[in-house]
């Protein structure tokens, strides 16, 4: 086990714990300059593990690199894999260190998000990422309500309304809900307010936030999670409210429900962690010695 990484295994390799309301404590890690290069085709592939040691090192411009044995890690696009701060470097290194005999790239969500930020395969700029994220507001999960059965109507009102009320007050916006298949009419002022808020994020954090939104199918729940108003478990359950209601009444396929739930928790938690860690910054100040 790479020294200093063990405390991250619960968050990164499993990513099943609630992140809201918690702080990730980081300890500075001294690493050697051992390096490694890895290339892989798609996130869904597996391959035999080809390295033993995982380290991180600080390279040019203060960026951090991931090293597997004696070679530097590279992105699928061939770029040097670098991250902006030590916290994110440790978390990514944990994903690689947690792999056993077989590398399961589809479990390495932080690595995948970093690859997306570095390679930018769709060639999108900051404004385009924000626009793509806000498109989910028009079809937000918590805005679509059913008219029957009565039990589900009441459940949606009791569970979703408080979150809607919170976000409308938090961002001074109007969202609302609708029983129509067309959904509510979101005011342009609301979209503009969220757009201005998202512009305060850097590109890496926006990529993570868009990922969380795509998992929950909800801007409302995602911002509730990022703002620490909701835990990962709460956000995931609220995003699956109708499905959970149906399961309680009709049962579920044995083991399949739990697997889907844990997978969604893992992806959501990893995306949230990515937003937090990619927002971290560190400044090194040189001490001036006086005679």
C-alpha atoms as a PDB file:
ATOM      1  CA  UNK A   1       0.000   0.000   0.000  1.00  0.00           C
ATOM      2  CA  UNK A   2       1.342   3.420  -0.921  1.00  0.00           C
ATOM      3  CA  UNK A   3       2.054   5.355   2.310  1.00  0.00           C
ATOM      4  CA  UNK A   4      -0.495   8.039   2.981  1.00  0.00           C
ATOM      5  CA  UNK A   5      -3.156   6.589   0.691  1.00  0.00           C
ATOM      6  CA  UNK A   6      -4.944   4.093   2.933  1.00  0.00           C
ATOM      7  CA  UNK A   7      -7.310   6.661   4.432  1.00  0.00           C
ATOM      8  CA  UNK A   8      -8.666   7.441   0.947  1.00  0.00           C
ATOM      9  CA  UNK A   9      -9.690   3.882   0.067  1.00  0.00           C
ATOM     10  CA  UNK A  10     -13.158   4.264   1.574  1.00  0.00           C
ATOM     11  CA  UNK A  11     -13.837   7.348  -0.550  1.00  0.00           C
ATOM     12  CA  UNK A  12     -12.103   6.520  -3.799  1.00  0.00           C
ATOM     13  CA  UNK A  13     -11.951   2.787  -4.419  1.00  0.00           C
ATOM     14  CA  UNK A  14     -15.492   2.227  -3.086  1.00  0.00           C
ATOM     15  CA  UNK A  15     -16.863   5.781  -3.021  1.00  0.00           C
ATOM     16  CA  UNK A  16     -19.903   4.692  -1.059  1.00  0.00           C
ATOM     17  CA  UNK A  17     -19.730   6.998   1.963  1.00  0.00           C
ATOM     18  CA  UNK A  18     -21.624  10.275   2.286  1.00  0.00           C
ATOM     19  CA  UNK A  19     -19.393  13.250   1.536  1.00  0.00           C
ATOM     20  CA  UNK A  20     -21.754  16.064   2.481  1.00  0.00           C
ATOM     21  CA  UNK A  21     -20.861  17.697   5.761  1.00  0.00           C
ATOM     22  CA  UNK A  22     -17.437  16.106   5.867  1.00  0.00           C
ATOM     23  CA  UNK A  23     -13.968  17.358   5.121  1.00  0.00           C
ATOM     24  CA  UNK A  24     -11.285  15.328   3.464  1.00  0.00           C
ATOM     25  CA  UNK A  25      -8.143  15.703   5.503  1.00  0.00           C
ATOM     26  CA  UNK A  26      -4.924  15.544   3.550  1.00  0.00           C
ATOM     27  CA  UNK A  27      -1.432  14.932   4.754  1.00  0.00           C
ATOM     28  CA  UNK A  28       1.550  16.015   2.694  1.00  0.00           C
ATOM     29  CA  UNK A  29       3.158  13.057   1.019  1.00  0.00           C
ATOM     30  CA  UNK A  30       6.803  12.843   0.002  1.00  0.00           C
ATOM     31  CA  UNK A  31       7.180  10.750  -3.156  1.00  0.00           C
ATOM     32  CA  UNK A  32      10.023   9.547  -5.309  1.00  0.00           C
ATOM     33  CA  UNK A  33      10.270  10.320  -9.021  1.00  0.00           C
ATOM     34  CA  UNK A  34       9.478   6.745 -10.118  1.00  0.00           C
ATOM     35  CA  UNK A  35       7.295   6.831 -13.216  1.00  0.00           C
ATOM     36  CA  UNK A  36       5.026   4.703 -15.380  1.00  0.00           C
ATOM     37  CA  UNK A  37       3.014   5.019 -18.588  1.00  0.00           C
ATOM     38  CA  UNK A  38      -0.399   3.440 -19.061  1.00  0.00           C
ATOM     39  CA  UNK A  39      -2.549   3.426 -22.205  1.00  0.00           C
ATOM     40  CA  UNK A  40      -5.973   1.886 -22.444  1.00  0.00           C
ATOM     41  CA  UNK A  41      -8.742   1.843 -25.012  1.00  0.00           C
ATOM     42  CA  UNK A  42     -11.995   2.479 -23.148  1.00  0.00           C
ATOM     43  CA  UNK A  43     -13.060   2.922 -19.508  1.00  0.00           C
ATOM     44  CA  UNK A  44     -15.064  -0.325 -19.733  1.00  0.00           C
ATOM     45  CA  UNK A  45     -12.082  -2.556 -20.463  1.00  0.00           C
ATOM     46  CA  UNK A  46     -10.052  -4.709 -18.106  1.00  0.00           C
ATOM     47  CA  UNK A  47      -6.457  -5.791 -18.346  1.00  0.00           C
ATOM     48  CA  UNK A  48      -3.911  -7.569 -16.230  1.00  0.00           C
ATOM     49  CA  UNK A  49      -2.174  -5.385 -13.671  1.00  0.00           C
ATOM     50  CA  UNK A  50       1.287  -4.465 -14.957  1.00  0.00           C
ATOM     51  CA  UNK A  51       2.810  -2.450 -12.099  1.00  0.00           C
ATOM     52  CA  UNK A  52       3.621  -2.861  -8.421  1.00  0.00           C
ATOM     53  CA  UNK A  53       4.224   0.582  -6.957  1.00  0.00           C
ATOM     54  CA  UNK A  54       2.201   3.783  -7.191  1.00  0.00           C
ATOM     55  CA  UNK A  55       3.745   7.147  -6.332  1.00  0.00           C
ATOM     56  CA  UNK A  56       3.090  10.787  -7.053  1.00  0.00           C
ATOM     57  CA  UNK A  57       5.601  13.517  -7.841  1.00  0.00           C
ATOM     58  CA  UNK A  58       5.495  17.236  -8.521  1.00  0.00           C
ATOM     59  CA  UNK A  59       6.521  18.204 -12.037  1.00  0.00           C
ATOM     60  CA  UNK A  60       6.813  21.385 -14.041  1.00  0.00           C
ATOM     61  CA  UNK A  61       4.520  24.278 -13.171  1.00  0.00           C
ATOM     62  CA  UNK A  62       3.692  22.742  -9.806  1.00  0.00           C
ATOM     63  CA  UNK A  63       1.445  20.083 -11.392  1.00  0.00           C
ATOM     64  CA  UNK A  64       1.343  16.603  -9.891  1.00  0.00           C
ATOM     65  CA  UNK A  65       2.036  13.406 -11.816  1.00  0.00           C
ATOM     66  CA  UNK A  66       1.040   9.796 -11.179  1.00  0.00           C
ATOM     67  CA  UNK A  67       3.843   7.257 -11.416  1.00  0.00           C
ATOM     68  CA  UNK A  68       3.466   3.503 -11.820  1.00  0.00           C
ATOM     69  CA  UNK A  69       6.810   1.863 -11.132  1.00  0.00           C
ATOM     70  CA  UNK A  70       9.302   3.724 -13.347  1.00  0.00           C
ATOM     71  CA  UNK A  71       7.116   5.390 -15.930  1.00  0.00           C
ATOM     72  CA  UNK A  72       4.739   8.340 -16.015  1.00  0.00           C
ATOM     73  CA  UNK A  73       1.034   7.779 -16.447  1.00  0.00           C
ATOM     74  CA  UNK A  74      -0.427   9.194 -19.638  1.00  0.00           C
ATOM     75  CA  UNK A  75      -3.962   9.845 -20.810  1.00  0.00           C
ATOM     76  CA  UNK A  76      -5.677   7.789 -23.550  1.00  0.00           C
ATOM     77  CA  UNK A  77      -4.902  10.721 -25.869  1.00  0.00           C
ATOM     78  CA  UNK A  78      -1.187  10.442 -25.133  1.00  0.00           C
ATOM     79  CA  UNK A  79      -0.845  13.501 -22.893  1.00  0.00           C
ATOM     80  CA  UNK A  80       1.115  13.461 -19.673  1.00  0.00           C
ATOM     81  CA  UNK A  81      -1.348  12.747 -16.860  1.00  0.00           C
ATOM     82  CA  UNK A  82      -1.100  15.760 -14.546  1.00  0.00           C
ATOM     83  CA  UNK A  83      -3.467  17.140 -11.928  1.00  0.00           C
ATOM     84  CA  UNK A  84      -3.536  20.626 -10.383  1.00  0.00           C
ATOM     85  CA  UNK A  85      -3.020  19.733  -6.729  1.00  0.00           C
ATOM     86  CA  UNK A  86      -1.698  17.096  -4.375  1.00  0.00           C
ATOM     87  CA  UNK A  87      -5.100  16.221  -2.919  1.00  0.00           C
ATOM     88  CA  UNK A  88      -6.444  15.075  -6.284  1.00  0.00           C
ATOM     89  CA  UNK A  89      -3.159  13.331  -7.109  1.00  0.00           C
ATOM     90  CA  UNK A  90      -3.388  11.254  -3.917  1.00  0.00           C
ATOM     91  CA  UNK A  91      -7.013  10.351  -4.628  1.00  0.00           C
ATOM     92  CA  UNK A  92      -6.232   9.237  -8.202  1.00  0.00           C
ATOM     93  CA  UNK A  93      -3.164   7.319  -7.039  1.00  0.00           C
ATOM     94  CA  UNK A  94      -5.420   5.520  -4.560  1.00  0.00           C
ATOM     95  CA  UNK A  95      -7.592   4.256  -7.408  1.00  0.00           C
ATOM     96  CA  UNK A  96      -4.546   2.736  -9.102  1.00  0.00           C
ATOM     97  CA  UNK A  97      -3.161   1.412  -5.823  1.00  0.00           C
ATOM     98  CA  UNK A  98      -6.503  -0.238  -4.998  1.00  0.00           C
ATOM     99  CA  UNK A  99      -6.528  -2.373  -8.160  1.00  0.00           C
ATOM    100  CA  UNK A 100      -5.822  -6.048  -7.636  1.00  0.00           C
ATOM    101  CA  UNK A 101      -4.651  -8.586 -10.224  1.00  0.00           C
ATOM    102  CA  UNK A 102      -6.932  -7.114 -12.895  1.00  0.00           C
ATOM    103  CA  UNK A 103      -7.288  -3.423 -13.686  1.00  0.00           C
ATOM    104  CA  UNK A 104     -10.966  -2.536 -13.809  1.00  0.00           C
ATOM    105  CA  UNK A 105     -10.931   0.848 -15.491  1.00  0.00           C
ATOM    106  CA  UNK A 106     -14.712   1.194 -15.220  1.00  0.00           C
ATOM    107  CA  UNK A 107     -14.308   1.497 -11.436  1.00  0.00           C
ATOM    108  CA  UNK A 108     -11.712   4.279 -11.710  1.00  0.00           C
ATOM    109  CA  UNK A 109     -14.060   7.246 -11.927  1.00  0.00           C
ATOM    110  CA  UNK A 110     -11.576   9.897 -10.778  1.00  0.00           C
ATOM    111  CA  UNK A 111      -9.008   8.770 -13.331  1.00  0.00           C
ATOM    112  CA  UNK A 112     -11.658   8.880 -16.069  1.00  0.00           C
ATOM    113  CA  UNK A 113     -12.745  12.394 -15.078  1.00  0.00           C
ATOM    114  CA  UNK A 114      -9.133  13.587 -15.107  1.00  0.00           C
ATOM    115  CA  UNK A 115      -8.645  12.054 -18.560  1.00  0.00           C
ATOM    116  CA  UNK A 116     -11.738  13.922 -19.765  1.00  0.00           C
ATOM    117  CA  UNK A 117     -10.415  17.210 -18.368  1.00  0.00           C
ATOM    118  CA  UNK A 118      -6.958  16.699 -19.883  1.00  0.00           C
ATOM    119  CA  UNK A 119      -7.876  15.306 -23.309  1.00  0.00           C
ATOM    120  CA  UNK A 120     -11.167  17.230 -23.697  1.00  0.00           C
ATOM    121  CA  UNK A 121     -12.315  14.735 -26.374  1.00  0.00           C
ATOM    122  CA  UNK A 122     -15.400  16.795 -27.312  1.00  0.00           C
ATOM    123  CA  UNK A 123     -13.373  20.035 -27.490  1.00  0.00           C
ATOM    124  CA  UNK A 124     -15.802  21.990 -25.310  1.00  0.00           C
ATOM    125  CA  UNK A 125     -15.036  25.273 -23.616  1.00  0.00           C
ATOM    126  CA  UNK A 126     -16.285  26.418 -20.189  1.00  0.00           C
ATOM    127  CA  UNK A 127     -19.495  28.003 -21.492  1.00  0.00           C
ATOM    128  CA  UNK A 128     -20.413  24.878 -23.447  1.00  0.00           C
ATOM    129  CA  UNK A 129     -19.937  22.669 -20.381  1.00  0.00           C
ATOM    130  CA  UNK A 130     -22.168  24.985 -18.341  1.00  0.00           C
ATOM    131  CA  UNK A 131     -24.841  24.968 -21.056  1.00  0.00           C
ATOM    132  CA  UNK A 132     -24.780  21.161 -21.205  1.00  0.00           C
ATOM    133  CA  UNK A 133     -25.162  20.935 -17.420  1.00  0.00           C
ATOM    134  CA  UNK A 134     -28.041  23.408 -17.330  1.00  0.00           C
ATOM    135  CA  UNK A 135     -29.940  21.486 -20.034  1.00  0.00           C
ATOM    136  CA  UNK A 136     -30.802  19.000 -17.279  1.00  0.00           C
ATOM    137  CA  UNK A 137     -32.696  21.765 -15.468  1.00  0.00           C
ATOM    138  CA  UNK A 138     -35.406  21.585 -18.138  1.00  0.00           C
ATOM    139  CA  UNK A 139     -36.015  17.897 -17.381  1.00  0.00           C
ATOM    140  CA  UNK A 140     -34.985  17.859 -13.718  1.00  0.00           C
ATOM    141  CA  UNK A 141     -36.098  14.723 -11.886  1.00  0.00           C
ATOM    142  CA  UNK A 142     -37.611  16.567  -8.916  1.00  0.00           C
ATOM    143  CA  UNK A 143     -39.712  18.857 -11.149  1.00  0.00           C
ATOM    144  CA  UNK A 144     -41.770  16.081 -12.761  1.00  0.00           C
ATOM    145  CA  UNK A 145     -44.697  14.963 -10.606  1.00  0.00           C
ATOM    146  CA  UNK A 146     -47.267  12.201 -11.021  1.00  0.00           C
ATOM    147  CA  UNK A 147     -51.020  12.531 -10.419  1.00  0.00           C
ATOM    148  CA  UNK A 148     -51.410   8.948  -9.178  1.00  0.00           C
ATOM    149  CA  UNK A 149     -51.145   6.716  -7.222  1.00  0.00           C
ATOM    150  CA  UNK A 150     -51.869   8.846  -4.144  1.00  0.00           C
ATOM    151  CA  UNK A 151     -49.030   7.271  -2.159  1.00  0.00           C
ATOM    152  CA  UNK A 152     -46.416   8.295  -4.711  1.00  0.00           C
ATOM    153  CA  UNK A 153     -47.954  11.766  -5.081  1.00  0.00           C
ATOM    154  CA  UNK A 154     -47.608  12.305  -1.330  1.00  0.00           C
ATOM    155  CA  UNK A 155     -44.093  10.835  -1.286  1.00  0.00           C
ATOM    156  CA  UNK A 156     -42.888  13.182  -4.028  1.00  0.00           C
ATOM    157  CA  UNK A 157     -44.415  16.171  -2.256  1.00  0.00           C
ATOM    158  CA  UNK A 158     -42.923  15.257   1.129  1.00  0.00           C
ATOM    159  CA  UNK A 159     -39.452  14.401  -0.160  1.00  0.00           C
ATOM    160  CA  UNK A 160     -38.905  16.693  -3.164  1.00  0.00           C
ATOM    161  CA  UNK A 161     -40.681  19.896  -2.104  1.00  0.00           C
ATOM    162  CA  UNK A 162     -38.270  20.656   0.783  1.00  0.00           C
ATOM    163  CA  UNK A 163     -35.282  20.355  -1.576  1.00  0.00           C
ATOM    164  CA  UNK A 164     -36.938  22.633  -4.138  1.00  0.00           C
ATOM    165  CA  UNK A 165     -37.764  25.162  -1.434  1.00  0.00           C
ATOM    166  CA  UNK A 166     -34.172  25.045  -0.198  1.00  0.00           C
ATOM    167  CA  UNK A 167     -32.579  25.662  -3.604  1.00  0.00           C
ATOM    168  CA  UNK A 168     -35.030  28.432  -4.527  1.00  0.00           C
ATOM    169  CA  UNK A 169     -34.170  30.234  -1.291  1.00  0.00           C
ATOM    170  CA  UNK A 170     -30.454  29.449  -1.511  1.00  0.00           C
ATOM    171  CA  UNK A 171     -30.047  30.873  -5.027  1.00  0.00           C
ATOM    172  CA  UNK A 172     -32.997  33.307  -4.984  1.00  0.00           C
ATOM    173  CA  UNK A 173     -34.609  31.642  -8.015  1.00  0.00           C
ATOM    174  CA  UNK A 174     -37.962  30.214  -9.092  1.00  0.00           C
ATOM    175  CA  UNK A 175     -38.100  26.630 -10.386  1.00  0.00           C
ATOM    176  CA  UNK A 176     -41.388  24.998  -9.430  1.00  0.00           C
ATOM    177  CA  UNK A 177     -42.813  21.620 -10.429  1.00  0.00           C
ATOM    178  CA  UNK A 178     -45.392  20.324 -12.879  1.00  0.00           C
ATOM    179  CA  UNK A 179     -47.731  17.406 -13.516  1.00  0.00           C
ATOM    180  CA  UNK A 180     -47.405  18.004 -17.261  1.00  0.00           C
ATOM    181  CA  UNK A 181     -45.182  15.794 -19.389  1.00  0.00           C
ATOM    182  CA  UNK A 182     -43.655  19.037 -20.671  1.00  0.00           C
ATOM    183  CA  UNK A 183     -42.415  19.892 -17.202  1.00  0.00           C
ATOM    184  CA  UNK A 184     -42.363  23.333 -15.578  1.00  0.00           C
ATOM    185  CA  UNK A 185     -41.478  26.492 -17.475  1.00  0.00           C
ATOM    186  CA  UNK A 186     -38.126  27.532 -16.041  1.00  0.00           C
ATOM    187  CA  UNK A 187     -37.789  31.355 -16.038  1.00  0.00           C
ATOM    188  CA  UNK A 188     -34.841  32.756 -17.990  1.00  0.00           C
ATOM    189  CA  UNK A 189     -33.817  34.664 -14.860  1.00  0.00           C
ATOM    190  CA  UNK A 190     -33.392  31.328 -13.063  1.00  0.00           C
ATOM    191  CA  UNK A 191     -31.201  29.944 -15.838  1.00  0.00           C
ATOM    192  CA  UNK A 192     -29.114  33.130 -15.836  1.00  0.00           C
ATOM    193  CA  UNK A 193     -28.646  32.944 -12.062  1.00  0.00           C
ATOM    194  CA  UNK A 194     -27.417  29.355 -12.227  1.00  0.00           C
ATOM    195  CA  UNK A 195     -25.211  30.183 -15.214  1.00  0.00           C
ATOM    196  CA  UNK A 196     -23.516  32.990 -13.295  1.00  0.00           C
ATOM    197  CA  UNK A 197     -23.050  30.709 -10.298  1.00  0.00           C
ATOM    198  CA  UNK A 198     -21.481  27.940 -12.377  1.00  0.00           C
ATOM    199  CA  UNK A 199     -19.053  30.394 -13.938  1.00  0.00           C
ATOM    200  CA  UNK A 200     -17.391  30.612 -10.526  1.00  0.00           C
ATOM    201  CA  UNK A 201     -16.220  27.007 -10.926  1.00  0.00           C
ATOM    202  CA  UNK A 202     -13.066  26.086 -12.814  1.00  0.00           C
ATOM    203  CA  UNK A 203     -13.304  23.793 -15.851  1.00  0.00           C
ATOM    204  CA  UNK A 204     -12.210  20.687 -13.940  1.00  0.00           C
ATOM    205  CA  UNK A 205     -14.862  21.208 -11.256  1.00  0.00           C
ATOM    206  CA  UNK A 206     -17.508  21.829 -13.937  1.00  0.00           C
ATOM    207  CA  UNK A 207     -16.654  18.516 -15.590  1.00  0.00           C
ATOM    208  CA  UNK A 208     -17.169  16.797 -12.243  1.00  0.00           C
ATOM    209  CA  UNK A 209     -20.398  18.667 -11.561  1.00  0.00           C
ATOM    210  CA  UNK A 210     -21.796  17.837 -15.007  1.00  0.00           C
ATOM    211  CA  UNK A 211     -20.948  14.191 -14.332  1.00  0.00           C
ATOM    212  CA  UNK A 212     -22.873  14.242 -11.031  1.00  0.00           C
ATOM    213  CA  UNK A 213     -25.833  15.955 -12.705  1.00  0.00           C
ATOM    214  CA  UNK A 214     -25.893  13.307 -15.443  1.00  0.00           C
ATOM    215  CA  UNK A 215     -25.934  10.546 -12.816  1.00  0.00           C
ATOM    216  CA  UNK A 216     -28.774  12.036 -10.750  1.00  0.00           C
ATOM    217  CA  UNK A 217     -30.573  13.545 -13.763  1.00  0.00           C
ATOM    218  CA  UNK A 218     -31.037  16.603 -11.589  1.00  0.00           C
ATOM    219  CA  UNK A 219     -29.407  20.002 -11.238  1.00  0.00           C
ATOM    220  CA  UNK A 220     -31.362  20.566  -8.021  1.00  0.00           C
ATOM    221  CA  UNK A 221     -30.123  17.408  -6.284  1.00  0.00           C
ATOM    222  CA  UNK A 222     -26.575  17.865  -7.569  1.00  0.00           C
ATOM    223  CA  UNK A 223     -26.251  21.400  -6.224  1.00  0.00           C
ATOM    224  CA  UNK A 224     -27.817  20.220  -2.975  1.00  0.00           C
ATOM    225  CA  UNK A 225     -25.092  17.599  -2.785  1.00  0.00           C
ATOM    226  CA  UNK A 226     -22.209  19.898  -3.757  1.00  0.00           C
ATOM    227  CA  UNK A 227     -23.442  22.520  -1.270  1.00  0.00           C
ATOM    228  CA  UNK A 228     -23.495  19.830   1.453  1.00  0.00           C
ATOM    229  CA  UNK A 229     -27.251  20.168   1.961  1.00  0.00           C
ATOM    230  CA  UNK A 230     -27.653  16.485   1.005  1.00  0.00           C
ATOM    231  CA  UNK A 231     -25.525  13.406   1.525  1.00  0.00           C
ATOM    232  CA  UNK A 232     -24.696  11.047  -1.336  1.00  0.00           C
ATOM    233  CA  UNK A 233     -27.189   8.493  -0.016  1.00  0.00           C
ATOM    234  CA  UNK A 234     -29.937  11.099   0.253  1.00  0.00           C
ATOM    235  CA  UNK A 235     -29.327  12.506  -3.238  1.00  0.00           C
ATOM    236  CA  UNK A 236     -29.304   9.044  -4.809  1.00  0.00           C
ATOM    237  CA  UNK A 237     -32.490   7.943  -3.035  1.00  0.00           C
ATOM    238  CA  UNK A 238     -34.263  11.161  -4.030  1.00  0.00           C
ATOM    239  CA  UNK A 239     -33.212  10.648  -7.655  1.00  0.00           C
ATOM    240  CA  UNK A 240     -34.715   7.123  -7.558  1.00  0.00           C
ATOM    241  CA  UNK A 241     -37.838   7.991  -5.574  1.00  0.00           C
ATOM    242  CA  UNK A 242     -40.383   6.533  -7.995  1.00  0.00           C
ATOM    243  CA  UNK A 243     -38.336   3.379  -8.524  1.00  0.00           C
ATOM    244  CA  UNK A 244     -37.943   2.875  -4.785  1.00  0.00           C
ATOM    245  CA  UNK A 245     -41.695   3.340  -4.333  1.00  0.00           C
ATOM    246  CA  UNK A 246     -42.440   0.694  -6.965  1.00  0.00           C
ATOM    247  CA  UNK A 247     -39.943  -1.718  -5.404  1.00  0.00           C
ATOM    248  CA  UNK A 248     -41.547  -1.330  -1.982  1.00  0.00           C
ATOM    249  CA  UNK A 249     -44.925  -2.238  -3.465  1.00  0.00           C
ATOM    250  CA  UNK A 250     -44.001  -4.825  -6.077  1.00  0.00           C
ATOM    251  CA  UNK A 251     -40.632  -6.136  -4.960  1.00  0.00           C
ATOM    252  CA  UNK A 252     -37.366  -6.141  -6.883  1.00  0.00           C
ATOM    253  CA  UNK A 253     -35.113  -8.483  -8.777  1.00  0.00           C
ATOM    254  CA  UNK A 254     -32.920 -10.184  -6.200  1.00  0.00           C
ATOM    255  CA  UNK A 255     -29.464  -8.527  -5.883  1.00  0.00           C
ATOM    256  CA  UNK A 256     -29.944  -6.385  -9.024  1.00  0.00           C
ATOM    257  CA  UNK A 257     -31.512  -3.463  -7.146  1.00  0.00           C
ATOM    258  CA  UNK A 258     -28.715  -3.281  -4.582  1.00  0.00           C
ATOM    259  CA  UNK A 259     -26.075  -3.494  -7.311  1.00  0.00           C
ATOM    260  CA  UNK A 260     -27.627  -0.607  -9.246  1.00  0.00           C
ATOM    261  CA  UNK A 261     -27.938   1.437  -6.071  1.00  0.00           C
ATOM    262  CA  UNK A 262     -24.313   0.932  -5.059  1.00  0.00           C
ATOM    263  CA  UNK A 263     -23.081   1.668  -8.573  1.00  0.00           C
ATOM    264  CA  UNK A 264     -24.987   4.946  -8.672  1.00  0.00           C
ATOM    265  CA  UNK A 265     -23.703   5.843  -5.214  1.00  0.00           C
ATOM    266  CA  UNK A 266     -20.148   5.097  -6.293  1.00  0.00           C
ATOM    267  CA  UNK A 267     -20.348   7.246  -9.417  1.00  0.00           C
ATOM    268  CA  UNK A 268     -22.116  10.082  -7.607  1.00  0.00           C
ATOM    269  CA  UNK A 269     -19.695  10.059  -4.671  1.00  0.00           C
ATOM    270  CA  UNK A 270     -16.671   9.963  -6.986  1.00  0.00           C
ATOM    271  CA  UNK A 271     -18.000  12.877  -9.036  1.00  0.00           C
ATOM    272  CA  UNK A 272     -18.664  14.879  -5.876  1.00  0.00           C
ATOM    273  CA  UNK A 273     -15.195  14.127  -4.543  1.00  0.00           C
ATOM    274  CA  UNK A 274     -13.738  15.203  -7.896  1.00  0.00           C
ATOM    275  CA  UNK A 275     -15.523  18.569  -7.630  1.00  0.00           C
ATOM    276  CA  UNK A 276     -14.206  19.109  -4.104  1.00  0.00           C
ATOM    277  CA  UNK A 277     -10.639  18.056  -4.855  1.00  0.00           C
ATOM    278  CA  UNK A 278     -10.337  19.864  -8.187  1.00  0.00           C
ATOM    279  CA  UNK A 279     -11.432  23.027  -6.386  1.00  0.00           C
ATOM    280  CA  UNK A 280      -8.579  22.725  -3.890  1.00  0.00           C
ATOM    281  CA  UNK A 281      -5.607  25.016  -4.308  1.00  0.00           C
ATOM    282  CA  UNK A 282      -2.317  25.320  -2.540  1.00  0.00           C
ATOM    283  CA  UNK A 283       0.272  28.050  -2.489  1.00  0.00           C
ATOM    284  CA  UNK A 284       3.872  27.570  -1.431  1.00  0.00           C
ATOM    285  CA  UNK A 285       5.442  30.669   0.110  1.00  0.00           C
ATOM    286  CA  UNK A 286       9.162  31.003   0.516  1.00  0.00           C
ATOM    287  CA  UNK A 287      10.307  32.214   3.863  1.00  0.00           C
ATOM    288  CA  UNK A 288      12.509  35.279   3.646  1.00  0.00           C
ATOM    289  CA  UNK A 289      15.474  35.055   5.958  1.00  0.00           C
ATOM    290  CA  UNK A 290      16.631  38.313   7.456  1.00  0.00           C
ATOM    291  CA  UNK A 291      20.020  39.001   8.927  1.00  0.00           C
END
